[in-house]
Amino acid sequence: MAKKYYAVAFGKEGSGVYTNWNQTEGNVKGVSGVKYKSFPGLEQAREFLLELNVSETDIQLFYNESPPEVKTKIKKQENKHENKEVDIEAQKKKTLKQITNGLVTDEAGLEFNADELTKGQAKMSETVYAYVDGSFRQGYDAYGYGVVIVARGEVLKTFSGYGRRPEYVTMRNVAGEVLGAVKAMEYALSVGAHKLVLHFDYQGIESWAKGTWKRNNDLTRGYHEFTKNIQSKLELVFKKVKGHSGDPFNDLADELAKQGVLDSHRDSE
């Protein structure tokens, strides 16, 4: 039986997408003004909610499946421009800082500053191609991000991580999408690239950066300021791809983001 995605607007638990009818029914039964419909894919379900004026940041993913095992082993390829690996456990102990004035801080305590990142880096006439994605799983209280750096049609480098800040957990996979985009920009700056072609499947990555979507929280405001400041040093080209459409690099970014969420669960045990 083909998997279905149930889009629910203004239900008992708010607006979002389910993959289980019993859970969906519990959110819509007896609720005045609720609207819902089933779709064969997640993107169609999201579009339905957007047409009903549900904000992107209010769309939740109510998935109740058991956490998947990520079977594909991803080998990180080293290259002469590779960043120093981050000790996540050590960094997690740092004090978390607010996102303000073009400074983006993720939950591992990593700070991304457009000025600092370019100091001491060799300039290169190079374009970096990146694919980013985010993930969230109900019950884990964490969101993950994945980044795939591509060169000449091959995977050059990958990043995966997670965050736990309560105010961002409510944004679910969207928080991971944003942090993944920031990671890709950080990498491009660190290798002295002049241009980043950023592939994404969540429209907010481009729209918040350009200011065409309303920024109503610290994460979206901080992301907008960061991208605005960074463009004096790095040309940003945004390219939207359709999620879960068979694009191998986008699928890999999705898998990495899911792995980030699973890593958060293991680290908390």
C-alpha atoms as a PDB file:
ATOM      1  CA  MET A   1       0.000   0.000   0.000  1.00  0.00           C
ATOM      2  CA  ALA A   2       1.371   3.378  -0.992  1.00  0.00           C
ATOM      3  CA  LYS A   3       2.322   5.700   1.824  1.00  0.00           C
ATOM      4  CA  LYS A   4       0.020   8.668   2.364  1.00  0.00           C
ATOM      5  CA  TYR A   5       0.678  12.088   3.849  1.00  0.00           C
ATOM      6  CA  TYR A   6      -2.260  13.641   5.694  1.00  0.00           C
ATOM      7  CA  ALA A   7      -2.203  17.434   5.746  1.00  0.00           C
ATOM      8  CA  VAL A   8      -4.183  18.968   8.618  1.00  0.00           C
ATOM      9  CA  ALA A   9      -4.875  22.685   9.009  1.00  0.00           C
ATOM     10  CA  PHE A  10      -6.110  24.092  12.327  1.00  0.00           C
ATOM     11  CA  GLY A  11      -6.515  20.771  14.123  1.00  0.00           C
ATOM     12  CA  LYS A  12      -6.372  19.989  17.847  1.00  0.00           C
ATOM     13  CA  GLU A  13      -2.562  19.881  17.770  1.00  0.00           C
ATOM     14  CA  GLY A  14      -2.197  22.712  15.284  1.00  0.00           C
ATOM     15  CA  SER A  15      -1.310  22.356  11.614  1.00  0.00           C
ATOM     16  CA  GLY A  16       0.967  19.741  10.141  1.00  0.00           C
ATOM     17  CA  VAL A  17       1.459  16.515   8.234  1.00  0.00           C
ATOM     18  CA  TYR A  18       0.825  12.962   9.459  1.00  0.00           C
ATOM     19  CA  THR A  19       1.559   9.558   7.968  1.00  0.00           C
ATOM     20  CA  ASN A  20      -0.838   7.615  10.183  1.00  0.00           C
ATOM     21  CA  TRP A  21      -4.607   7.927   9.724  1.00  0.00           C
ATOM     22  CA  ASN A  22      -5.538   7.035  13.306  1.00  0.00           C
ATOM     23  CA  GLN A  23      -3.347   9.838  14.607  1.00  0.00           C
ATOM     24  CA  THR A  24      -4.749  12.166  11.957  1.00  0.00           C
ATOM     25  CA  GLU A  25      -8.330  11.306  12.878  1.00  0.00           C
ATOM     26  CA  GLY A  26      -7.648  12.101  16.522  1.00  0.00           C
ATOM     27  CA  ASN A  27      -6.487  15.580  15.528  1.00  0.00           C
ATOM     28  CA  VAL A  28      -9.482  16.420  13.316  1.00  0.00           C
ATOM     29  CA  LYS A  29     -12.496  14.648  14.817  1.00  0.00           C
ATOM     30  CA  GLY A  30     -14.954  17.067  16.369  1.00  0.00           C
ATOM     31  CA  VAL A  31     -12.812  20.135  15.623  1.00  0.00           C
ATOM     32  CA  SER A  32     -14.641  23.126  14.173  1.00  0.00           C
ATOM     33  CA  GLY A  33     -12.985  24.743  11.161  1.00  0.00           C
ATOM     34  CA  VAL A  34     -10.395  22.027  10.630  1.00  0.00           C
ATOM     35  CA  LYS A  35      -9.394  21.194   7.052  1.00  0.00           C
ATOM     36  CA  TYR A  36      -7.537  18.072   5.983  1.00  0.00           C
ATOM     37  CA  LYS A  37      -6.652  16.033   2.919  1.00  0.00           C
ATOM     38  CA  SER A  38      -4.403  13.117   1.975  1.00  0.00           C
ATOM     39  CA  PHE A  39      -1.588  13.307  -0.572  1.00  0.00           C
ATOM     40  CA  PRO A  40       0.933  10.864  -2.088  1.00  0.00           C
ATOM     41  CA  GLY A  41       3.886  13.107  -1.172  1.00  0.00           C
ATOM     42  CA  LEU A  42       5.063  15.496   1.529  1.00  0.00           C
ATOM     43  CA  GLU A  43       5.523  18.460  -0.819  1.00  0.00           C
ATOM     44  CA  GLN A  44       1.901  18.302  -2.003  1.00  0.00           C
ATOM     45  CA  ALA A  45       0.729  18.180   1.614  1.00  0.00           C
ATOM     46  CA  ARG A  46       2.817  21.251   2.451  1.00  0.00           C
ATOM     47  CA  GLU A  47       1.479  23.154  -0.566  1.00  0.00           C
ATOM     48  CA  PHE A  48      -2.082  22.406   0.553  1.00  0.00           C
ATOM     49  CA  LEU A  49      -1.383  23.913   3.975  1.00  0.00           C
ATOM     50  CA  LEU A  50       0.318  26.973   2.485  1.00  0.00           C
ATOM     51  CA  GLU A  51      -2.722  27.597   0.277  1.00  0.00           C
ATOM     52  CA  LEU A  52      -4.803  27.690   3.466  1.00  0.00           C
ATOM     53  CA  ASN A  53      -2.504  30.446   4.807  1.00  0.00           C
ATOM     54  CA  VAL A  54      -0.705  28.213   7.282  1.00  0.00           C
ATOM     55  CA  SER A  55       2.731  29.715   7.933  1.00  0.00           C
ATOM     56  CA  GLU A  56       5.751  27.613   6.907  1.00  0.00           C
ATOM     57  CA  THR A  57       7.062  27.792  10.467  1.00  0.00           C
ATOM     58  CA  ASP A  58       3.739  26.452  11.816  1.00  0.00           C
ATOM     59  CA  ILE A  59       3.780  23.315   9.666  1.00  0.00           C
ATOM     60  CA  GLN A  60       4.711  20.414  11.938  1.00  0.00           C
ATOM     61  CA  LEU A  61       5.651  16.886  10.931  1.00  0.00           C
ATOM     62  CA  PHE A  62       3.728  14.444  13.120  1.00  0.00           C
ATOM     63  CA  TYR A  63       5.486  11.232  12.146  1.00  0.00           C
ATOM     64  CA  ASN A  64       5.012   8.311  14.501  1.00  0.00           C
ATOM     65  CA  GLU A  65       7.179   5.650  12.907  1.00  0.00           C
ATOM     66  CA  SER A  66      10.061   4.140  14.833  1.00  0.00           C
ATOM     67  CA  PRO A  67      13.368   5.960  14.259  1.00  0.00           C
ATOM     68  CA  PRO A  68      14.903   4.558  11.082  1.00  0.00           C
ATOM     69  CA  GLU A  69      18.275   2.969  10.875  1.00  0.00           C
ATOM     70  CA  VAL A  70      20.446   4.855   8.455  1.00  0.00           C
ATOM     71  CA  LYS A  71      21.972   1.979   6.559  1.00  0.00           C
ATOM     72  CA  THR A  72      24.127   3.881   4.114  1.00  0.00           C
ATOM     73  CA  LYS A  73      27.586   4.467   5.471  1.00  0.00           C
ATOM     74  CA  ILE A  74      28.882   7.864   4.441  1.00  0.00           C
ATOM     75  CA  LYS A  75      32.603   8.144   4.080  1.00  0.00           C
ATOM     76  CA  LYS A  76      33.998  11.628   4.508  1.00  0.00           C
ATOM     77  CA  GLN A  77      36.561  12.404   1.850  1.00  0.00           C
ATOM     78  CA  GLU A  78      39.538  14.418   2.916  1.00  0.00           C
ATOM     79  CA  ASN A  79      40.967  17.223   0.851  1.00  0.00           C
ATOM     80  CA  LYS A  80      43.560  19.914   1.377  1.00  0.00           C
ATOM     81  CA  HIS A  81      40.938  22.500   2.257  1.00  0.00           C
ATOM     82  CA  GLU A  82      39.058  20.339   4.774  1.00  0.00           C
ATOM     83  CA  ASN A  83      38.044  22.075   7.994  1.00  0.00           C
ATOM     84  CA  LYS A  84      39.280  20.854  11.335  1.00  0.00           C
ATOM     85  CA  GLU A  85      36.872  18.329  12.818  1.00  0.00           C
ATOM     86  CA  VAL A  86      34.730  19.629  15.663  1.00  0.00           C
ATOM     87  CA  ASP A  87      34.687  17.957  19.073  1.00  0.00           C
ATOM     88  CA  ILE A  88      30.924  18.109  19.580  1.00  0.00           C
ATOM     89  CA  GLU A  89      30.990  16.883  23.181  1.00  0.00           C
ATOM     90  CA  ALA A  90      33.472  19.558  24.215  1.00  0.00           C
ATOM     91  CA  GLN A  91      31.687  22.283  22.307  1.00  0.00           C
ATOM     92  CA  LYS A  92      28.281  21.393  23.754  1.00  0.00           C
ATOM     93  CA  LYS A  93      29.508  22.536  27.167  1.00  0.00           C
ATOM     94  CA  LYS A  94      29.949  26.094  25.959  1.00  0.00           C
ATOM     95  CA  THR A  95      27.399  28.690  26.924  1.00  0.00           C
ATOM     96  CA  LEU A  96      24.706  29.036  24.290  1.00  0.00           C
ATOM     97  CA  LYS A  97      24.482  32.516  22.806  1.00  0.00           C
ATOM     98  CA  GLN A  98      21.627  34.416  21.196  1.00  0.00           C
ATOM     99  CA  ILE A  99      21.508  34.810  17.437  1.00  0.00           C
ATOM    100  CA  THR A 100      22.006  38.519  16.707  1.00  0.00           C
ATOM    101  CA  ASN A 101      23.700  40.968  14.362  1.00  0.00           C
ATOM    102  CA  GLY A 102      24.899  38.504  11.728  1.00  0.00           C
ATOM    103  CA  LEU A 103      26.391  36.095  14.272  1.00  0.00           C
ATOM    104  CA  VAL A 104      24.845  32.643  14.076  1.00  0.00           C
ATOM    105  CA  THR A 105      25.389  30.179  16.906  1.00  0.00           C
ATOM    106  CA  ASP A 106      24.277  26.573  16.692  1.00  0.00           C
ATOM    107  CA  GLU A 107      23.659  24.250  19.606  1.00  0.00           C
ATOM    108  CA  ALA A 108      27.181  22.840  19.601  1.00  0.00           C
ATOM    109  CA  GLY A 109      28.430  26.317  20.469  1.00  0.00           C
ATOM    110  CA  LEU A 110      29.839  26.972  17.001  1.00  0.00           C
ATOM    111  CA  GLU A 111      29.918  30.611  15.988  1.00  0.00           C
ATOM    112  CA  PHE A 112      29.742  31.667  12.366  1.00  0.00           C
ATOM    113  CA  ASN A 113      30.988  35.180  11.702  1.00  0.00           C
ATOM    114  CA  ALA A 114      31.578  36.375   8.163  1.00  0.00           C
ATOM    115  CA  ASP A 115      34.575  38.522   9.103  1.00  0.00           C
ATOM    116  CA  GLU A 116      36.372  35.980  11.282  1.00  0.00           C
ATOM    117  CA  LEU A 117      35.910  33.056   8.926  1.00  0.00           C
ATOM    118  CA  THR A 118      37.832  34.706   6.108  1.00  0.00           C
ATOM    119  CA  LYS A 119      40.854  35.717   8.166  1.00  0.00           C
ATOM    120  CA  GLY A 120      43.958  33.792   7.178  1.00  0.00           C
ATOM    121  CA  GLN A 121      42.202  31.898   4.394  1.00  0.00           C
ATOM    122  CA  ALA A 122      43.719  31.714   0.912  1.00  0.00           C
ATOM    123  CA  LYS A 123      41.483  33.241  -1.716  1.00  0.00           C
ATOM    124  CA  MET A 124      40.431  30.957  -4.541  1.00  0.00           C
ATOM    125  CA  SER A 125      38.574  31.650  -7.780  1.00  0.00           C
ATOM    126  CA  GLU A 126      36.252  28.789  -7.067  1.00  0.00           C
ATOM    127  CA  THR A 127      32.557  28.000  -6.863  1.00  0.00           C
ATOM    128  CA  VAL A 128      31.336  25.668  -4.139  1.00  0.00           C
ATOM    129  CA  TYR A 129      28.247  23.543  -4.805  1.00  0.00           C
ATOM    130  CA  ALA A 130      26.318  22.392  -1.738  1.00  0.00           C
ATOM    131  CA  TYR A 131      23.128  20.496  -0.919  1.00  0.00           C
ATOM    132  CA  VAL A 132      21.492  21.016   2.481  1.00  0.00           C
ATOM    133  CA  ASP A 133      18.602  19.463   4.359  1.00  0.00           C
ATOM    134  CA  GLY A 134      17.093  19.307   7.836  1.00  0.00           C
ATOM    135  CA  SER A 135      15.323  16.653   9.864  1.00  0.00           C
ATOM    136  CA  PHE A 136      13.257  16.202  13.012  1.00  0.00           C
ATOM    137  CA  ARG A 137      11.820  13.173  14.771  1.00  0.00           C
ATOM    138  CA  GLN A 138       9.003  13.246  17.278  1.00  0.00           C
ATOM    139  CA  GLY A 139      10.121  12.395  20.808  1.00  0.00           C
ATOM    140  CA  TYR A 140      13.812  13.187  20.313  1.00  0.00           C
ATOM    141  CA  ASP A 141      13.603  16.918  21.151  1.00  0.00           C
ATOM    142  CA  ALA A 142      16.359  17.602  18.634  1.00  0.00           C
ATOM    143  CA  TYR A 143      16.701  18.595  15.007  1.00  0.00           C
ATOM    144  CA  GLY A 144      19.431  17.564  12.598  1.00  0.00           C
ATOM    145  CA  TYR A 145      21.128  19.042   9.576  1.00  0.00           C
ATOM    146  CA  GLY A 146      23.057  17.564   6.683  1.00  0.00           C
ATOM    147  CA  VAL A 147      25.349  19.198   4.131  1.00  0.00           C
ATOM    148  CA  VAL A 148      26.866  17.663   1.005  1.00  0.00           C
ATOM    149  CA  ILE A 149      29.666  19.482  -0.831  1.00  0.00           C
ATOM    150  CA  VAL A 150      29.882  18.444  -4.485  1.00  0.00           C
ATOM    151  CA  ALA A 151      32.655  18.871  -7.053  1.00  0.00           C
ATOM    152  CA  ARG A 152      32.595  17.576 -10.645  1.00  0.00           C
ATOM    153  CA  GLY A 153      29.582  15.403  -9.906  1.00  0.00           C
ATOM    154  CA  GLU A 154      31.161  13.670  -6.905  1.00  0.00           C
ATOM    155  CA  VAL A 155      30.809  14.056  -3.141  1.00  0.00           C
ATOM    156  CA  LEU A 156      33.746  16.055  -1.834  1.00  0.00           C
ATOM    157  CA  LYS A 157      32.774  16.490   1.814  1.00  0.00           C
ATOM    158  CA  THR A 158      29.819  15.983   4.164  1.00  0.00           C
ATOM    159  CA  PHE A 159      28.654  17.545   7.422  1.00  0.00           C
ATOM    160  CA  SER A 160      26.085  16.242   9.886  1.00  0.00           C
ATOM    161  CA  GLY A 161      24.991  17.598  13.254  1.00  0.00           C
ATOM    162  CA  TYR A 162      22.099  18.392  15.547  1.00  0.00           C
ATOM    163  CA  GLY A 163      20.700  20.996  17.916  1.00  0.00           C
ATOM    164  CA  ARG A 164      18.498  20.988  20.995  1.00  0.00           C
ATOM    165  CA  ARG A 165      17.598  24.603  21.779  1.00  0.00           C
ATOM    166  CA  PRO A 166      13.962  24.472  22.971  1.00  0.00           C
ATOM    167  CA  GLU A 167      12.889  27.568  21.035  1.00  0.00           C
ATOM    168  CA  TYR A 168      14.224  26.010  17.821  1.00  0.00           C
ATOM    169  CA  VAL A 169      12.927  22.495  18.495  1.00  0.00           C
ATOM    170  CA  THR A 170       9.436  23.942  18.022  1.00  0.00           C
ATOM    171  CA  MET A 171      10.451  24.761  14.436  1.00  0.00           C
ATOM    172  CA  ARG A 172      11.276  21.094  13.900  1.00  0.00           C
ATOM    173  CA  ASN A 173      13.119  20.285  10.656  1.00  0.00           C
ATOM    174  CA  VAL A 174      13.133  23.966   9.641  1.00  0.00           C
ATOM    175  CA  ALA A 175      15.786  24.701  12.288  1.00  0.00           C
ATOM    176  CA  GLY A 176      17.977  21.988  10.804  1.00  0.00           C
ATOM    177  CA  GLU A 177      17.482  23.368   7.292  1.00  0.00           C
ATOM    178  CA  VAL A 178      18.702  26.804   8.412  1.00  0.00           C
ATOM    179  CA  LEU A 179      21.735  25.486  10.281  1.00  0.00           C
ATOM    180  CA  GLY A 180      22.646  23.318   7.317  1.00  0.00           C
ATOM    181  CA  ALA A 181      22.637  26.374   5.059  1.00  0.00           C
ATOM    182  CA  VAL A 182      24.860  28.237   7.517  1.00  0.00           C
ATOM    183  CA  LYS A 183      27.290  25.302   7.618  1.00  0.00           C
ATOM    184  CA  ALA A 184      27.543  25.330   3.828  1.00  0.00           C
ATOM    185  CA  MET A 185      28.262  29.065   3.811  1.00  0.00           C
ATOM    186  CA  GLU A 186      30.857  28.630   6.549  1.00  0.00           C
ATOM    187  CA  TYR A 187      32.629  25.990   4.495  1.00  0.00           C
ATOM    188  CA  ALA A 188      32.627  28.104   1.335  1.00  0.00           C
ATOM    189  CA  LEU A 189      34.185  31.004   3.231  1.00  0.00           C
ATOM    190  CA  SER A 190      36.749  28.783   4.910  1.00  0.00           C
ATOM    191  CA  VAL A 191      38.160  27.610   1.582  1.00  0.00           C
ATOM    192  CA  GLY A 192      38.167  31.114   0.133  1.00  0.00           C
ATOM    193  CA  ALA A 193      35.504  30.468  -2.500  1.00  0.00           C
ATOM    194  CA  HIS A 194      33.936  33.449  -4.238  1.00  0.00           C
ATOM    195  CA  LYS A 195      30.597  31.815  -4.976  1.00  0.00           C
ATOM    196  CA  LEU A 196      28.283  29.279  -3.324  1.00  0.00           C
ATOM    197  CA  VAL A 197      25.524  27.529  -5.255  1.00  0.00           C
ATOM    198  CA  LEU A 198      23.199  26.321  -2.512  1.00  0.00           C
ATOM    199  CA  HIS A 199      20.687  23.582  -3.320  1.00  0.00           C
ATOM    200  CA  PHE A 200      17.763  23.198  -0.893  1.00  0.00           C
ATOM    201  CA  ASP A 201      14.230  21.795  -0.782  1.00  0.00           C
ATOM    202  CA  TYR A 202      12.746  24.184   1.820  1.00  0.00           C
ATOM    203  CA  GLN A 203      11.827  27.591   0.394  1.00  0.00           C
ATOM    204  CA  GLY A 204      12.620  29.467   3.605  1.00  0.00           C
ATOM    205  CA  ILE A 205      16.347  28.994   2.976  1.00  0.00           C
ATOM    206  CA  GLU A 206      16.127  31.437   0.084  1.00  0.00           C
ATOM    207  CA  SER A 207      13.153  33.546   1.158  1.00  0.00           C
ATOM    208  CA  TRP A 208      14.425  34.357   4.658  1.00  0.00           C
ATOM    209  CA  ALA A 209      17.867  35.105   3.270  1.00  0.00           C
ATOM    210  CA  LYS A 210      16.453  37.560   0.716  1.00  0.00           C
ATOM    211  CA  GLY A 211      13.902  39.026   3.110  1.00  0.00           C
ATOM    212  CA  THR A 212      10.834  38.061   1.073  1.00  0.00           C
ATOM    213  CA  TRP A 213       9.445  36.069   4.003  1.00  0.00           C
ATOM    214  CA  LYS A 214       8.646  37.579   7.373  1.00  0.00           C
ATOM    215  CA  ARG A 215      11.297  36.934  10.033  1.00  0.00           C
ATOM    216  CA  ASN A 216       9.384  36.547  13.290  1.00  0.00           C
ATOM    217  CA  ASN A 217      11.884  34.809  15.578  1.00  0.00           C
ATOM    218  CA  ASP A 218      15.569  34.876  16.530  1.00  0.00           C
ATOM    219  CA  LEU A 219      16.563  32.077  14.171  1.00  0.00           C
ATOM    220  CA  THR A 220      15.066  33.572  11.020  1.00  0.00           C
ATOM    221  CA  ARG A 221      16.191  37.106  11.874  1.00  0.00           C
ATOM    222  CA  GLY A 222      19.717  35.943  12.635  1.00  0.00           C
ATOM    223  CA  TYR A 223      19.877  33.886   9.450  1.00  0.00           C
ATOM    224  CA  HIS A 224      18.737  36.868   7.372  1.00  0.00           C
ATOM    225  CA  GLU A 225      21.342  39.170   8.922  1.00  0.00           C
ATOM    226  CA  PHE A 226      24.086  36.584   8.497  1.00  0.00           C
ATOM    227  CA  THR A 227      23.381  36.031   4.810  1.00  0.00           C
ATOM    228  CA  LYS A 228      23.098  39.782   4.215  1.00  0.00           C
ATOM    229  CA  ASN A 229      26.503  40.408   5.805  1.00  0.00           C
ATOM    230  CA  ILE A 230      28.189  37.463   4.125  1.00  0.00           C
ATOM    231  CA  GLN A 231      27.333  38.568   0.586  1.00  0.00           C
ATOM    232  CA  SER A 232      30.062  41.205   0.590  1.00  0.00           C
ATOM    233  CA  LYS A 233      32.521  38.282   0.584  1.00  0.00           C
ATOM    234  CA  LEU A 234      30.580  35.442  -1.006  1.00  0.00           C
ATOM    235  CA  GLU A 235      28.125  35.402  -3.896  1.00  0.00           C
ATOM    236  CA  LEU A 236      25.102  33.288  -2.970  1.00  0.00           C
ATOM    237  CA  VAL A 237      23.077  31.497  -5.639  1.00  0.00           C
ATOM    238  CA  PHE A 238      19.979  29.689  -4.373  1.00  0.00           C
ATOM    239  CA  LYS A 239      18.606  26.691  -6.272  1.00  0.00           C
ATOM    240  CA  LYS A 240      15.474  24.920  -5.078  1.00  0.00           C
ATOM    241  CA  VAL A 241      15.219  21.194  -5.714  1.00  0.00           C
ATOM    242  CA  LYS A 242      12.239  18.955  -5.187  1.00  0.00           C
ATOM    243  CA  GLY A 243      12.573  16.917  -2.023  1.00  0.00           C
ATOM    244  CA  HIS A 244      12.509  13.110  -2.197  1.00  0.00           C
ATOM    245  CA  SER A 245      12.630  13.225  -5.990  1.00  0.00           C
ATOM    246  CA  GLY A 246      15.574  10.882  -6.498  1.00  0.00           C
ATOM    247  CA  ASP A 247      18.310  13.518  -6.622  1.00  0.00           C
ATOM    248  CA  PRO A 248      21.251  11.561  -5.133  1.00  0.00           C
ATOM    249  CA  PHE A 249      22.911  14.572  -3.477  1.00  0.00           C
ATOM    250  CA  ASN A 250      19.678  15.875  -1.981  1.00  0.00           C
ATOM    251  CA  ASP A 251      18.829  12.379  -0.765  1.00  0.00           C
ATOM    252  CA  LEU A 252      22.269  12.123   0.831  1.00  0.00           C
ATOM    253  CA  ALA A 253      21.791  15.476   2.603  1.00  0.00           C
ATOM    254  CA  ASP A 254      18.437  14.207   3.878  1.00  0.00           C
ATOM    255  CA  GLU A 255      20.047  11.018   5.147  1.00  0.00           C
ATOM    256  CA  LEU A 256      22.803  12.977   6.884  1.00  0.00           C
ATOM    257  CA  ALA A 257      20.224  15.187   8.596  1.00  0.00           C
ATOM    258  CA  LYS A 258      18.380  12.109   9.852  1.00  0.00           C
ATOM    259  CA  GLN A 259      21.692  10.729  11.096  1.00  0.00           C
ATOM    260  CA  GLY A 260      22.214  13.971  13.013  1.00  0.00           C
ATOM    261  CA  VAL A 261      18.939  13.421  14.885  1.00  0.00           C
ATOM    262  CA  LEU A 262      19.891   9.818  15.651  1.00  0.00           C
ATOM    263  CA  ASP A 263      23.274  10.999  16.942  1.00  0.00           C
ATOM    264  CA  SER A 264      21.504  13.365  19.343  1.00  0.00           C
ATOM    265  CA  HIS A 265      19.624  10.405  20.794  1.00  0.00           C
ATOM    266  CA  ARG A 266      22.779   8.324  21.231  1.00  0.00           C
ATOM    267  CA  ASP A 267      24.664  11.221  22.820  1.00  0.00           C
ATOM    268  CA  SER A 268      21.910  11.676  25.405  1.00  0.00           C
ATOM    269  CA  GLU A 269      21.956   8.037  26.516  1.00  0.00           C
END
